[in-house]
Structures are given as C-alpha cells and as structure tokens.
Amino acid sequence: MENDWKKKAGSVIERLDDSFDLFMQRFRNRFGLYKPLQIVPYRSYGTVNRLYLKGRVLANKGITGAADNDNLLKNLVNMYRRFESDEVRDAQLRVSFQGQEHTVITDKEGYFVINLEPQTPLVLEDIWHEMEVELVKADISSFVPGITTKAHVLVPPPDAEYGIISDIDDTIVLTSATDVIKMSQHTFMNNARTRLPFAGVSAFYRSLQLGRNGKRNNPFFYVSSSPWNMYDLLHDFLDINDIPAGPLLLRDFGLMQNKFFGADHMSHKFKEIQNILLTYPHLNFVLIGDSGQQDAPIYKEVIKNFPGRILCVYIRDVELEDRAKIVTTISEELKGTVEMLLVKDTAAAAKHAADNGLIYHEEIQKVEKQKEIDKDDAAGTATQQTPAPISKDTRGVKN
C-alpha cells in the first residue's frame, strides 16, 4: 500500500514538475531571460570496445572559481546557482572521436548519454581518451552556434594491477554526513579550496594509483550519493588536492517519481559499483568508504555478488560507536573471504596495503608526512612544508 501511494504521488508530482519546467522554459525564451548555455561533460569510463559518456546542457549561471579567501556570501551564492539549475531539454549535440561524428539529444532534465565504439584501436598506454562535444542546436533564446568542450573517458590499461572504488563524503572530504547541521555547514559554506580532505588521503590514493608496477595506472572510480549539481565542486576538489582523477558517479535529484522519494543510498551505490565490476570482469578492486552511512553493508553485498573480485575493504572510522559495531560485525561475517578493516586514519590503511602487496612500503612514510601537513592545514597553522612528493617513476599519467 505504501509503495502504491508513493508511486501515485510521485507520478502526479512528476507531471506537475514537467509542466512547470515547460512553462518556465517558454517564459524565459519569450522574455530573453536565459543565460548563455554551457555543456558540462562528466568524467566517464569505458573499454577498448565501448566508450560511455554522460553530460548535461545547462544555462551558465556564472559559478565562479574557488579561492581560499572567498567569503561566506560568495560560497552560498555559488551553491544556490548550482542547485537552481536551468536544464536544456531536446538540445542536439555532436560528439566527435577518431574522426567519427555522433549525434545525441538531451532528455527533459538536460542530460545526454552516449555509447561509442572506437573505429580504430585505442592507445592503451593512455588512461584518458578525449572527445570533442559541440552544441549544435537548442530551442533556447540564448543559443549561439560554436559552443564546444572536451570530454574525457577513462579506459584502464591492460597492465593495471587493480582498480579502486572510493566513496567521497567522509571518506576523502570532511562532510559530517551523520549530522545534518554540520553537513550543511561543510557543504554550503565552503568551496573546493576550503573544504578539508582527510589527513593523508591524497598521498595514500596516489600510492594505490602507483601500485607495485610503478606505472601509476591503477584506475580510480568515485561513487557518491551527492547530486550531479555538486559535480564541478567535487571535480575541482580532487584536482586541487592532488587526489587521482577518476569518473565521478553521482546521483540525480529531482521531482521525477523514482527520484522524489529517492532511489536510496544503498541501491544507487550498489548499482554503480556493479556496473564497474561488470565492465571490467578481469580487474579486481579495492573498496574504500566510511562507517558513517551504509558503505560496509553495501560493500558486503558487492563481495557476496562478485566472489573473488574484491581484494580488501578499508572503512574509515567516523568515531560513532554504533556505526563502528556494524562494521565490526560485517567484518567478522566476511572472515576467510575478504578483509574489511575499520581504520582510524590513512596511515593505518597504508600500512595494511603495503603489508599485503598493494603498495610499496616506502609509500607509508609519504602518507604519514602528508597526514601531518593536512592536519596543520586543518588547524589553520601556516606551514612551509611542501606536499608529499609523487614517486619518481611517473610513467603513464599522473592523474
């Protein structure tokens, strides 16, 4: 009964939302209120046989780049602009790759998705493969021809040792997702430069990317329940903090009937991780999350459904006793199959990774050094130290 009620209510809300969006689009067109348009391509992933690309066409609200001295008002205004998005439906785009052109149309929320088959073999030494995306047509008053951008798709090289799938909130960036007030403060009052990474995360992740073959080509994938509206901030946060680049797999929040009441956190993350594992059947993975939400139960289901594919699981302890007990219980259930470790900090995870042949033992010192630097930065103490160096052997790509 409850599900029927939700479906009916969701259906009504979706129809009302569609009608309102159409009205607003016509209203803005009529009075020339649309801002210039932009293409927002999302870092995506694929294989040597198929490349997957997702993105969105939106009105450019003028979200400004992050600076260390941005004040509260600027951060709040930028966040408002992210969520008060004007999507462009039925826009026509041209995606160019290897001399071939492909056409794709945006859906009613402005998203486009396309799967391409490479016409010639990919350069396997390259992890990232570039496409050009052009906005060809849009029934919007501010449309002008010639809007183009570059999109990037990750293809793990055949000699990658393993992949890494990581959560974002409270795993690499302080969010306090278990406390609504603190979460709002971290999310809305900061920007990509002032949000804090967890101490040592960048060095630990670079160590995993480097692996033991020294080629720095182990691929990263970031799975989060954050909305796509946060994409630019999270993308910039990774780059600013020298955390390995990877596809960001976020959630669509909206008033559609399957989104208003929410595809829950667990089903979203499990589905995205499942897609990654199915895409790369010959690549095993390390999973990283935190004890604050449902990462441990999600990863348990992944291990159950993909036996032999998960090398180990690191769960960052958010220091909530009841959440820690859940992780400990699941860890006990998994004994003899996959190690799930509840870790206090990245140095503990790095030591385990080194002891189990995932990274070099020399990397532990770099993680510990970066941890101290990050702690000083978080405490607001000016430090003249430079970040922990990237290992000298940087064949392949840095990010």
Protein backbone atom coordinates (compact mmCIF):
# COMPACT_ATOMS: atom_id res chain seq x y z
CA MET A 1 0.00 0.00 0.00
CA GLU A 2 2.75 2.41 0.94
CA ASN A 3 4.61 1.78 -2.33
CA ASP A 4 1.41 2.29 -4.35
CA TRP A 5 0.84 5.60 -2.59
CA LYS A 6 4.39 6.69 -3.29
CA LYS A 7 4.11 5.74 -6.97
CA LYS A 8 0.84 7.65 -7.42
CA ALA A 9 2.10 10.71 -5.57
CA GLY A 10 5.37 10.58 -7.47
CA SER A 11 3.56 10.34 -10.80
CA VAL A 12 1.46 13.41 -10.02
CA ILE A 13 4.48 15.37 -8.84
CA GLU A 14 6.43 14.39 -11.95
CA ARG A 15 3.67 15.61 -14.29
CA LEU A 16 3.39 18.89 -12.39
CA ASP A 17 7.15 19.32 -12.48
CA ASP A 18 7.27 18.67 -16.24
CA SER A 19 4.51 21.20 -16.85
CA PHE A 20 6.22 23.80 -14.70
CA ASP A 21 9.58 23.27 -16.42
CA LEU A 22 7.98 23.68 -19.85
CA PHE A 23 6.21 26.84 -18.72
CA MET A 24 9.43 28.32 -17.33
CA GLN A 25 11.38 27.44 -20.47
CA ARG A 26 8.81 29.20 -22.66
CA PHE A 27 8.65 32.14 -20.26
CA ARG A 28 12.43 32.62 -20.26
CA ASN A 29 12.55 32.25 -24.04
CA ARG A 30 9.77 34.75 -24.54
CA PHE A 31 11.47 37.44 -22.47
CA GLY A 32 15.09 36.54 -23.29
CA LEU A 33 15.91 35.55 -19.73
CA TYR A 34 18.13 32.57 -20.49
CA LYS A 35 21.79 32.86 -19.58
CA PRO A 36 24.36 31.67 -22.16
CA LEU A 37 24.40 27.90 -22.50
CA GLN A 38 27.16 25.51 -21.48
CA ILE A 39 27.98 21.83 -21.93
CA VAL A 40 29.00 20.03 -18.74
CA PRO A 41 30.69 16.71 -19.63
CA TYR A 42 31.25 14.29 -16.77
CA ARG A 43 34.40 12.21 -16.49
CA SER A 44 33.24 8.79 -17.63
CA TYR A 45 34.67 5.34 -18.29
CA GLY A 46 34.76 2.61 -20.90
CA THR A 47 36.69 -0.23 -22.51
CA VAL A 48 38.70 -0.73 -25.68
CA ASN A 49 35.43 -1.77 -27.34
CA ARG A 50 32.97 0.77 -25.95
CA LEU A 51 33.23 4.28 -24.52
CA TYR A 52 30.47 5.67 -22.33
CA LEU A 53 29.95 9.42 -21.96
CA LYS A 54 27.45 11.33 -19.86
CA GLY A 55 26.95 15.06 -19.51
CA ARG A 56 24.41 17.84 -19.28
CA VAL A 57 23.43 21.02 -21.08
CA LEU A 58 22.60 23.91 -18.75
CA ALA A 59 22.29 27.65 -18.69
CA ASN A 60 25.57 29.06 -17.41
CA LYS A 61 24.74 30.66 -14.06
CA GLY A 62 28.21 32.12 -13.68
CA ILE A 63 29.52 29.92 -10.89
CA THR A 64 32.91 31.44 -10.13
CA GLY A 65 36.15 29.59 -9.49
CA ALA A 66 37.04 28.82 -5.89
CA ALA A 67 39.57 30.89 -3.95
CA ASP A 68 40.98 30.49 -0.45
CA ASN A 69 39.63 33.88 0.61
CA ASP A 70 36.08 33.52 -0.76
CA ASN A 71 33.62 34.86 1.80
CA LEU A 72 30.51 33.11 3.06
CA LEU A 73 28.16 35.05 0.78
CA LYS A 74 30.09 34.10 -2.35
CA ASN A 75 30.09 30.42 -1.39
CA LEU A 76 26.36 30.48 -0.64
CA VAL A 77 25.57 32.25 -3.92
CA ASN A 78 27.60 29.72 -5.91
CA MET A 79 25.87 26.84 -4.15
CA TYR A 80 22.45 28.37 -4.88
CA ARG A 81 23.39 28.68 -8.54
CA ARG A 82 24.40 25.01 -8.62
CA PHE A 83 21.04 23.81 -7.36
CA GLU A 84 18.86 26.39 -9.11
CA SER A 85 19.86 24.94 -12.48
CA ASP A 86 18.16 25.70 -15.79
CA GLU A 87 18.49 22.49 -17.78
CA VAL A 88 18.04 22.45 -21.56
CA ARG A 89 15.86 19.68 -22.94
CA ASP A 90 15.91 18.40 -26.54
CA ALA A 91 19.27 20.02 -27.27
CA GLN A 92 21.24 18.40 -30.09
CA LEU A 93 24.93 17.68 -29.58
CA ARG A 94 27.66 16.36 -31.84
CA VAL A 95 30.29 14.11 -30.26
CA SER A 96 33.50 13.70 -32.29
CA PHE A 97 36.01 10.92 -31.71
CA GLN A 98 38.58 9.35 -34.03
CA GLY A 99 37.22 11.33 -36.96
CA GLN A 100 33.70 9.98 -36.46
CA GLU A 101 30.72 12.17 -35.54
CA HIS A 102 27.80 11.02 -33.41
CA THR A 103 24.56 12.83 -32.58
CA VAL A 104 22.85 12.75 -29.19
CA ILE A 105 19.79 14.56 -27.79
CA THR A 106 19.35 15.71 -24.19
CA ASP A 107 16.46 14.40 -22.11
CA LYS A 108 13.95 16.57 -20.24
CA GLU A 109 16.47 17.21 -17.46
CA GLY A 110 19.21 18.23 -19.85
CA TYR A 111 21.25 15.02 -19.57
CA PHE A 112 22.81 13.23 -22.51
CA VAL A 113 24.28 9.73 -22.60
CA ILE A 114 26.09 8.11 -25.50
CA ASN A 115 27.97 4.86 -26.07
CA LEU A 116 30.61 4.85 -28.81
CA GLU A 117 32.51 2.03 -30.43
CA PRO A 118 36.10 3.06 -31.31
CA GLN A 119 36.75 2.72 -35.03
CA THR A 120 40.49 2.20 -34.58
CA PRO A 121 42.42 0.62 -31.68
CA LEU A 122 42.95 2.89 -28.69
CA VAL A 123 46.41 3.85 -27.49
CA LEU A 124 46.46 1.54 -24.49
CA GLU A 125 49.22 3.46 -22.71
CA ASP A 126 46.78 6.38 -22.38
CA ILE A 127 44.35 6.10 -19.49
CA TRP A 128 42.23 9.07 -20.59
CA HIS A 129 40.72 9.41 -24.06
CA GLU A 130 39.48 12.78 -25.26
CA MET A 131 36.33 13.58 -27.23
CA GLU A 132 35.01 16.87 -28.53
CA VAL A 133 31.40 17.78 -27.76
CA GLU A 134 29.61 20.54 -29.67
CA LEU A 135 26.19 22.04 -29.03
CA VAL A 136 24.58 22.02 -32.47
CA LYS A 137 21.01 23.08 -31.76
CA ALA A 138 18.84 24.20 -28.85
CA ASP A 139 15.43 25.85 -28.84
CA ILE A 140 16.64 28.46 -26.38
CA SER A 141 16.83 32.22 -26.93
CA SER A 142 20.46 32.43 -25.74
CA PHE A 143 21.72 29.65 -28.03
CA VAL A 144 24.63 30.58 -30.26
CA PRO A 145 26.49 28.17 -32.56
CA GLY A 146 30.03 27.10 -31.79
CA ILE A 147 29.78 26.07 -28.13
CA THR A 148 32.28 23.23 -27.69
CA THR A 149 34.09 21.46 -24.89
CA LYS A 150 36.36 18.48 -24.30
CA ALA A 151 35.16 15.31 -22.58
CA HIS A 152 37.37 12.62 -21.07
CA VAL A 153 36.72 8.89 -20.76
CA LEU A 154 38.86 6.54 -18.67
CA VAL A 155 39.94 3.17 -20.07
CA PRO A 156 42.11 1.11 -17.68
CA PRO A 157 45.24 -0.19 -19.42
CA PRO A 158 45.66 -3.97 -19.67
CA ASP A 159 48.57 -3.95 -17.21
CA ALA A 160 46.65 -2.18 -14.41
CA GLU A 161 47.14 -4.23 -11.24
CA TYR A 162 43.78 -3.42 -9.68
CA GLY A 163 41.15 -0.69 -9.53
CA ILE A 164 40.00 1.43 -6.61
CA ILE A 165 36.37 2.35 -5.92
CA SER A 166 36.01 5.07 -3.31
CA ASP A 167 33.22 6.89 -1.57
CA ILE A 168 33.63 10.68 -1.28
CA ASP A 169 31.75 12.19 1.67
CA ASP A 170 33.52 11.46 4.97
CA THR A 171 35.93 9.19 3.12
CA ILE A 172 38.11 11.71 1.31
CA VAL A 173 36.42 15.01 2.25
CA LEU A 174 35.05 16.08 5.62
CA THR A 175 31.25 16.24 5.32
CA SER A 176 29.79 15.03 8.65
CA ALA A 177 27.00 13.26 6.77
CA THR A 178 25.61 11.82 10.02
CA ASP A 179 24.92 15.34 11.37
CA VAL A 180 22.57 17.42 9.21
CA ILE A 181 23.62 20.78 10.64
CA LYS A 182 27.35 20.14 10.34
CA MET A 183 26.87 18.62 6.89
CA SER A 184 25.07 21.77 5.73
CA GLN A 185 27.87 23.94 7.10
CA HIS A 186 30.60 21.95 5.36
CA THR A 187 28.66 21.72 2.10
CA PHE A 188 27.13 25.17 1.68
CA MET A 189 29.61 27.43 3.46
CA ASN A 190 32.79 26.18 1.81
CA ASN A 191 34.20 25.72 -1.67
CA ALA A 192 36.59 23.35 -3.43
CA ARG A 193 39.59 25.09 -1.87
CA THR A 194 38.34 25.49 1.68
CA ARG A 195 36.75 22.06 2.12
CA LEU A 196 39.15 19.81 4.00
CA PRO A 197 40.49 16.46 2.81
CA PHE A 198 41.05 13.80 5.43
CA ALA A 199 44.65 13.81 6.55
CA GLY A 200 46.92 11.81 4.25
CA VAL A 201 44.24 10.83 1.75
CA SER A 202 45.94 12.30 -1.32
CA ALA A 203 49.26 10.53 -0.64
CA PHE A 204 47.53 7.22 0.15
CA TYR A 205 45.44 7.36 -3.01
CA ARG A 206 48.47 8.25 -5.13
CA SER A 207 50.25 5.25 -3.61
CA LEU A 208 47.38 2.98 -4.63
CA GLN A 209 47.40 4.51 -8.09
CA LEU A 210 51.13 3.79 -8.35
CA GLY A 211 50.70 0.22 -7.11
CA ARG A 212 53.67 -2.12 -7.30
CA ASN A 213 54.37 -1.92 -11.02
CA GLY A 214 55.46 1.73 -10.79
CA LYS A 215 53.36 2.81 -13.76
CA ARG A 216 50.77 4.88 -11.86
CA ASN A 217 47.96 3.44 -13.94
CA ASN A 218 45.62 1.79 -11.42
CA PRO A 219 42.25 3.43 -12.15
CA PHE A 220 40.08 5.25 -9.59
CA PHE A 221 36.29 5.47 -9.56
CA TYR A 222 34.37 7.71 -7.16
CA VAL A 223 30.83 6.69 -6.21
CA SER A 224 28.75 9.10 -4.14
CA SER A 225 25.15 9.89 -3.26
CA SER A 226 25.86 13.59 -3.78
CA PRO A 227 23.77 15.14 -6.57
CA TRP A 228 25.16 15.90 -10.02
CA ASN A 229 24.75 19.59 -9.14
CA MET A 230 27.89 19.19 -6.98
CA TYR A 231 29.98 17.80 -9.84
CA ASP A 232 32.11 20.88 -10.52
CA LEU A 233 32.95 21.35 -6.83
CA LEU A 234 33.95 17.71 -6.31
CA HIS A 235 35.87 17.63 -9.61
CA ASP A 236 37.84 20.71 -8.57
CA PHE A 237 38.36 19.40 -5.03
CA LEU A 238 40.08 16.27 -6.36
CA ASP A 239 42.32 18.29 -8.67
CA ILE A 240 43.22 20.95 -6.08
CA ASN A 241 44.19 18.33 -3.51
CA ASP A 242 46.16 16.19 -5.97
CA ILE A 243 43.84 13.23 -5.49
CA PRO A 244 43.87 10.90 -8.53
CA ALA A 245 41.32 11.81 -11.18
CA GLY A 246 38.58 9.34 -11.91
CA PRO A 247 34.97 9.13 -13.07
CA LEU A 248 32.58 10.75 -10.59
CA LEU A 249 29.38 8.73 -10.36
CA LEU A 250 26.80 10.86 -8.60
CA ARG A 251 23.01 10.88 -8.20
CA ASP A 252 20.24 12.75 -9.96
CA PHE A 253 17.94 14.53 -7.53
CA GLY A 254 14.63 15.71 -8.93
CA LEU A 255 10.88 15.51 -8.76
CA MET A 256 10.54 12.51 -11.05
CA GLN A 257 8.63 9.73 -9.32
CA ASN A 258 11.67 7.48 -8.95
CA LYS A 259 13.77 10.34 -7.56
CA PHE A 260 11.45 12.39 -5.37
CA PHE A 261 11.22 9.72 -2.73
CA GLY A 262 14.69 8.66 -3.72
CA ALA A 263 16.45 5.70 -5.10
CA ASP A 264 18.04 5.03 -1.74
CA HIS A 265 21.71 5.43 -0.94
CA MET A 266 22.36 1.67 -0.96
CA SER A 267 20.73 0.87 -4.28
CA HIS A 268 22.43 3.77 -6.07
CA LYS A 269 25.92 2.90 -4.87
CA PHE A 270 25.48 -0.83 -5.37
CA LYS A 271 24.25 -0.32 -8.93
CA GLU A 272 27.18 1.93 -9.85
CA ILE A 273 29.75 -0.45 -8.33
CA GLN A 274 28.07 -3.40 -10.03
CA ASN A 275 28.32 -1.63 -13.40
CA ILE A 276 32.05 -1.03 -12.88
CA LEU A 277 32.73 -4.65 -11.94
CA LEU A 278 30.72 -5.94 -14.90
CA THR A 279 32.53 -3.57 -17.26
CA TYR A 280 35.94 -4.85 -16.16
CA PRO A 281 35.50 -8.58 -15.45
CA HIS A 282 39.25 -9.23 -15.38
CA LEU A 283 40.13 -6.44 -12.94
CA ASN A 284 39.94 -6.83 -9.17
CA PHE A 285 39.22 -3.92 -6.85
CA VAL A 286 39.94 -2.27 -3.53
CA LEU A 287 36.88 -0.65 -1.92
CA ILE A 288 37.17 2.41 0.34
CA GLY A 289 34.39 4.00 2.39
CA ASP A 290 33.45 5.19 5.86
CA SER A 291 31.41 3.95 8.79
CA GLY A 292 29.08 6.96 8.81
CA GLN A 293 26.49 5.74 6.33
CA GLN A 294 25.96 2.34 4.70
CA ASP A 295 29.24 1.65 2.95
CA ALA A 296 30.02 -1.52 4.90
CA PRO A 297 26.63 -3.20 4.15
CA ILE A 298 26.87 -2.11 0.51
CA TYR A 299 30.37 -3.50 0.14
CA LYS A 300 29.28 -6.72 1.84
CA GLU A 301 26.65 -7.17 -0.89
CA VAL A 302 29.26 -6.44 -3.56
CA ILE A 303 31.56 -9.11 -2.11
CA LYS A 304 28.65 -11.57 -1.98
CA ASN A 305 27.65 -10.94 -5.60
CA PHE A 306 31.19 -10.80 -7.01
CA PRO A 307 33.19 -13.51 -5.21
CA GLY A 308 36.93 -13.27 -5.68
CA ARG A 309 36.80 -9.76 -7.16
CA ILE A 310 37.44 -7.63 -4.07
CA LEU A 311 40.99 -7.57 -2.70
CA CYS A 312 40.20 -5.75 0.54
CA VAL A 313 37.95 -3.07 2.04
CA TYR A 314 39.01 -0.01 4.04
CA ILE A 315 36.33 1.69 6.14
CA ARG A 316 37.28 4.98 7.77
CA ASP A 317 36.06 5.18 11.37
CA VAL A 318 33.89 8.28 11.88
CA GLU A 319 34.03 7.60 15.62
CA LEU A 320 30.39 6.73 16.21
CA GLU A 321 30.23 3.64 18.37
CA ASP A 322 27.01 2.21 16.95
CA ARG A 323 28.30 2.59 13.36
CA ALA A 324 31.62 1.00 14.27
CA LYS A 325 29.80 -2.02 15.69
CA ILE A 326 28.03 -2.55 12.36
CA VAL A 327 31.36 -2.57 10.52
CA THR A 328 32.93 -4.91 13.08
CA THR A 329 30.02 -7.34 12.78
CA ILE A 330 30.22 -7.39 8.98
CA SER A 331 34.00 -7.77 9.15
CA GLU A 332 33.55 -10.87 11.31
CA GLU A 333 30.99 -12.28 8.85
CA LEU A 334 33.47 -11.83 6.00
CA LYS A 335 36.37 -13.54 7.73
CA GLY A 336 38.02 -16.07 5.46
CA THR A 337 36.83 -14.30 2.30
CA VAL A 338 37.75 -10.60 2.22
CA GLU A 339 39.36 -8.40 4.86
CA MET A 340 37.22 -5.41 5.84
CA LEU A 341 39.26 -3.10 8.07
CA LEU A 342 37.87 -0.33 10.26
CA VAL A 343 40.77 2.15 10.19
CA LYS A 344 41.38 5.23 12.33
CA ASP A 345 43.44 7.02 9.69
CA THR A 346 45.05 6.68 6.28
CA ALA A 347 48.41 5.69 7.74
CA ALA A 348 46.86 2.52 9.18
CA ALA A 349 45.30 1.73 5.80
CA ALA A 350 48.61 2.39 4.03
CA LYS A 351 50.48 0.02 6.36
CA HIS A 352 47.97 -2.76 5.67
CA ALA A 353 48.14 -2.08 1.93
CA ALA A 354 51.94 -2.30 1.99
CA ASP A 355 51.95 -5.47 4.10
CA ASN A 356 49.56 -7.06 1.59
CA GLY A 357 51.50 -6.13 -1.53
CA LEU A 358 49.23 -3.36 -2.83
CA ILE A 359 51.72 -0.51 -2.44
CA TYR A 360 55.43 -0.07 -1.72
CA HIS A 361 56.45 0.08 1.95
CA GLU A 362 58.28 3.33 1.13
CA GLU A 363 54.90 4.94 0.49
CA ILE A 364 53.89 4.67 4.16
CA GLN A 365 56.30 7.46 5.11
CA LYS A 366 54.85 9.71 2.40
CA VAL A 367 51.33 9.10 3.70
CA GLU A 368 52.42 9.91 7.26
CA LYS A 369 54.13 13.10 6.08
CA GLN A 370 51.07 14.19 4.10
CA LYS A 371 48.89 13.39 7.12
CA GLU A 372 50.85 15.84 9.28
CA ILE A 373 50.72 18.53 6.59
CA ASP A 374 46.96 18.13 6.22
CA LYS A 375 46.49 18.26 10.00
CA ASP A 376 48.46 21.51 10.17
CA ASP A 377 46.36 22.97 7.36
CA ALA A 378 43.15 21.90 9.07
CA ALA A 379 44.29 23.51 12.31
CA GLY A 380 44.91 26.74 10.45
CA THR A 381 48.65 26.77 11.11
CA ALA A 382 50.71 28.14 8.26
CA THR A 383 53.21 25.53 7.20
CA GLN A 384 56.02 25.95 4.74
CA GLN A 385 56.22 22.23 4.03
CA THR A 386 55.50 21.03 0.55
CA PRO A 387 53.09 18.15 -0.08
CA ALA A 388 54.48 14.65 -0.03
CA PRO A 389 56.23 14.12 -3.38
CA ILE A 390 54.81 11.93 -6.06
CA SER A 391 57.06 8.91 -6.57
CA LYS A 392 59.73 9.45 -9.21
CA ASP A 393 58.50 6.70 -11.51
CA THR A 394 55.62 8.50 -13.21
CA ARG A 395 55.30 6.55 -16.41
CA GLY A 396 51.73 6.57 -17.68
CA VAL A 397 49.73 9.55 -16.45
CA LYS A 398 49.86 11.44 -13.20
CA ASN A 399 46.12 11.54 -12.75
